[in-house]
Every structure is written in C-alpha cells, then in structure tokens.
C-alpha atoms as a PDB file:
ATOM      1  CA  MET A   1      24.812  23.054 -22.892  1.00  0.00           C
ATOM      2  CA  VAL A   2      23.157  24.299 -19.716  1.00  0.00           C
ATOM      3  CA  ARG A   3      24.549  27.431 -18.019  1.00  0.00           C
ATOM      4  CA  ILE A   4      23.580  28.034 -14.450  1.00  0.00           C
ATOM      5  CA  SER A   5      24.650  31.434 -13.164  1.00  0.00           C
ATOM      6  CA  ILE A   6      26.025  32.016  -9.662  1.00  0.00           C
ATOM      7  CA  ALA A   7      22.905  34.260  -8.832  1.00  0.00           C
ATOM      8  CA  ALA A   8      20.505  31.538  -9.794  1.00  0.00           C
ATOM      9  CA  VAL A   9      22.285  29.009  -7.504  1.00  0.00           C
ATOM     10  CA  LEU A  10      22.362  31.548  -4.752  1.00  0.00           C
ATOM     11  CA  ALA A  11      18.687  32.322  -5.299  1.00  0.00           C
ATOM     12  CA  PHE A  12      17.859  28.755  -5.076  1.00  0.00           C
ATOM     13  CA  ALA A  13      19.921  28.214  -1.876  1.00  0.00           C
ATOM     14  CA  VAL A  14      18.053  31.059  -0.164  1.00  0.00           C
ATOM     15  CA  VAL A  15      14.675  29.643  -1.149  1.00  0.00           C
ATOM     16  CA  ALA A  16      15.797  26.111   0.086  1.00  0.00           C
ATOM     17  CA  MET A  17      16.998  27.398   3.367  1.00  0.00           C
ATOM     18  CA  ALA A  18      14.000  29.585   3.967  1.00  0.00           C
ATOM     19  CA  GLN A  19      11.901  28.256   6.938  1.00  0.00           C
ATOM     20  CA  ILE A  20       8.172  28.594   7.091  1.00  0.00           C
ATOM     21  CA  LYS A  21       7.039  30.341  10.436  1.00  0.00           C
ATOM     22  CA  PRO A  22       3.461  30.667  11.623  1.00  0.00           C
ATOM     23  CA  ASN A  23       1.923  34.002  11.435  1.00  0.00           C
ATOM     24  CA  LEU A  24       1.942  35.527  14.734  1.00  0.00           C
ATOM     25  CA  ALA A  25      -1.445  37.325  14.259  1.00  0.00           C
ATOM     26  CA  GLY A  26      -3.219  33.944  14.724  1.00  0.00           C
ATOM     27  CA  ALA A  27      -1.689  33.171  18.029  1.00  0.00           C
ATOM     28  CA  ARG A  28      -4.916  33.417  19.828  1.00  0.00           C
ATOM     29  CA  ASN A  29      -6.181  30.444  17.754  1.00  0.00           C
ATOM     30  CA  VAL A  30      -3.322  28.007  18.413  1.00  0.00           C
ATOM     31  CA  GLY A  31      -4.544  25.013  20.390  1.00  0.00           C
ATOM     32  CA  SER A  32      -8.224  26.105  20.201  1.00  0.00           C
ATOM     33  CA  GLY A  33      -9.145  22.703  18.426  1.00  0.00           C
ATOM     34  CA  ASP A  34     -12.310  24.493  16.934  1.00  0.00           C
ATOM     35  CA  GLY A  35     -11.044  24.991  13.276  1.00  0.00           C
ATOM     36  CA  SER A  36     -10.732  28.721  13.728  1.00  0.00           C
ATOM     37  CA  GLN A  37      -7.177  29.071  12.661  1.00  0.00           C
ATOM     38  CA  PHE A  38      -6.465  30.611   9.175  1.00  0.00           C
ATOM     39  CA  ILE A  39      -3.904  29.305   6.695  1.00  0.00           C
ATOM     40  CA  THR A  40      -0.278  30.302   7.786  1.00  0.00           C
ATOM     41  CA  GLY A  41      -1.287  30.470  11.422  1.00  0.00           C
ATOM     42  CA  GLY A  42       0.188  28.227  14.067  1.00  0.00           C
ATOM     43  CA  CYS A  43      -1.371  24.889  15.159  1.00  0.00           C
ATOM     44  CA  VAL A  44      -0.689  21.902  17.292  1.00  0.00           C
ATOM     45  CA  ASN A  45      -2.916  19.532  15.300  1.00  0.00           C
ATOM     46  CA  ASP A  46      -5.311  19.500  12.467  1.00  0.00           C
ATOM     47  CA  ALA A  47      -8.339  20.388  14.610  1.00  0.00           C
ATOM     48  CA  ASP A  48      -7.008  23.769  14.994  1.00  0.00           C
ATOM     49  CA  CYS A  49      -7.025  24.732  11.367  1.00  0.00           C
ATOM     50  CA  ALA A  50     -10.010  25.843   9.246  1.00  0.00           C
ATOM     51  CA  SER A  51      -8.437  23.866   6.338  1.00  0.00           C
ATOM     52  CA  ALA A  52      -8.191  20.635   8.603  1.00  0.00           C
ATOM     53  CA  CYS A  53      -4.528  20.663   7.719  1.00  0.00           C
ATOM     54  CA  CYS A  54      -1.717  21.293  10.323  1.00  0.00           C
ATOM     55  CA  ALA A  55       1.442  20.849   8.243  1.00  0.00           C
ATOM     56  CA  ASN A  56       4.731  20.058   9.703  1.00  0.00           C
ATOM     57  CA  ALA A  57       7.144  22.791   8.875  1.00  0.00           C
ATOM     58  CA  SER A  58      10.462  21.671  10.635  1.00  0.00           C
ATOM     59  CA  ASN A  59       8.620  20.488  13.772  1.00  0.00           C
ATOM     60  CA  VAL A  60       6.385  23.598  13.924  1.00  0.00           C
ATOM     61  CA  GLY A  61       2.708  23.406  13.020  1.00  0.00           C
ATOM     62  CA  VAL A  62       1.507  25.658  10.399  1.00  0.00           C
ATOM     63  CA  CYS A  63      -2.060  25.701   9.110  1.00  0.00           C
ATOM     64  CA  SER A  64      -1.981  24.916   5.241  1.00  0.00           C
ATOM     65  CA  ALA A  65      -4.166  24.135   2.409  1.00  0.00           C
ATOM     66  CA  GLU A  66      -3.936  20.447   1.687  1.00  0.00           C
ATOM     67  CA  ALA A  67      -2.728  21.135  -1.849  1.00  0.00           C
ATOM     68  CA  ALA A  68       0.158  23.254  -0.365  1.00  0.00           C
ATOM     69  CA  ALA A  69       1.156  20.942   2.450  1.00  0.00           C
ATOM     70  CA  PHE A  70       4.396  19.683   0.784  1.00  0.00           C
ATOM     71  CA  GLN A  71       5.410  23.129  -0.504  1.00  0.00           C
ATOM     72  CA  ASN A  72       8.272  25.256   0.822  1.00  0.00           C
ATOM     73  CA  GLY A  73       9.779  22.558   2.946  1.00  0.00           C
ATOM     74  CA  LYS A  74       6.534  21.513   4.716  1.00  0.00           C
ATOM     75  CA  ALA A  75       6.199  17.690   5.356  1.00  0.00           C
ATOM     76  CA  GLY A  76       2.297  17.286   4.819  1.00  0.00           C
ATOM     77  CA  CYS A  77      -0.799  17.459   7.004  1.00  0.00           C
ATOM     78  CA  ASN A  78      -1.629  15.548  10.293  1.00  0.00           C
ATOM     79  CA  PHE A  79       1.285  17.180  12.253  1.00  0.00           C
ATOM     80  CA  VAL A  80       0.657  16.669  15.986  1.00  0.00           C
ATOM     81  CA  ASP A  81       3.079  18.955  18.045  1.00  0.00           C
ATOM     82  CA  PRO A  82       4.771  16.822  20.653  1.00  0.00           C
ATOM     83  CA  ASN A  83       5.323  19.947  22.737  1.00  0.00           C
ATOM     84  CA  ALA A  84       1.745  21.244  22.395  1.00  0.00           C
ATOM     85  CA  ALA A  85       1.681  22.518  25.901  1.00  0.00           C
ATOM     86  CA  ALA A  86       4.715  24.661  25.516  1.00  0.00           C
ATOM     87  CA  THR A  87       3.507  25.765  22.055  1.00  0.00           C
ATOM     88  CA  ILE A  88       0.207  26.853  23.385  1.00  0.00           C
ATOM     89  CA  ALA A  89       1.857  28.672  26.351  1.00  0.00           C
ATOM     90  CA  ALA A  90       4.164  30.549  23.914  1.00  0.00           C
ATOM     91  CA  ALA A  91       1.136  31.564  21.773  1.00  0.00           C
ATOM     92  CA  GLN A  92      -0.848  32.789  24.873  1.00  0.00           C
ATOM     93  CA  ALA A  93       2.272  34.909  25.883  1.00  0.00           C
ATOM     94  CA  GLN A  94       2.430  36.374  22.205  1.00  0.00           C
ATOM     95  CA  VAL A  95      -1.334  37.177  22.594  1.00  0.00           C
ATOM     96  CA  ALA A  96      -0.624  39.059  25.830  1.00  0.00           C
ATOM     97  CA  LYS A  97       2.318  40.809  24.128  1.00  0.00           C
ATOM     98  CA  GLN A  98       0.299  41.793  21.061  1.00  0.00           C
ATOM     99  CA  GLY A  99      -2.850  42.775  23.108  1.00  0.00           C
ATOM    100  CA  PHE A 100      -5.287  41.131  20.674  1.00  0.00           C
END
C-alpha cells in the first residue's frame, strides 16, 4: 500500500506550478545574437545563448543546457520569441534600471 502525505502532495504542487524566469543579471545579453548569454539568462533565440539552446519556458526564452531543456516545465530548445522587439526593449530598460 502506498501512502502519500498531504505535505508531499503540496510540495509536488508547488514545484509543478513554479515558473522558470530568466536571470535579470543577463539582461544586457538578451537579443545580442552573439552567443554571449549564460545559462538561466533571457534569450529571444538560440543565437543569444552560449549553450546554443534558448528553451521555451511558458513563452519566455531562457538559455539552458541542452540536457536540461525539458526540465522544470521548459519545452525544449529552438525557442524563437514572437515578441522579440518587446522582450529586447524590456531587457534594455532592465539594464538602465540596474546600471550594468
């Protein structure tokens, strides 16, 4: 007989609902297209990422290792942001706010 505690169910629900978000420290590299973005940084396509993998994380690009492209709710590499101009503009605004 398998017993599942309420705590285990709640912990699974929290993990399942967690949403991957790009690391804002990499905002300067979003849309660069030169492979300078680090893993967990934002991207608009594979060309941004040093790993050559822009993973789709709920319609947001996040550079990922190819081996982790389907983990934590990501939908694999080759994401192309349909709103790339807006994403790049938001990243540039983040850079101005951060000052780096």
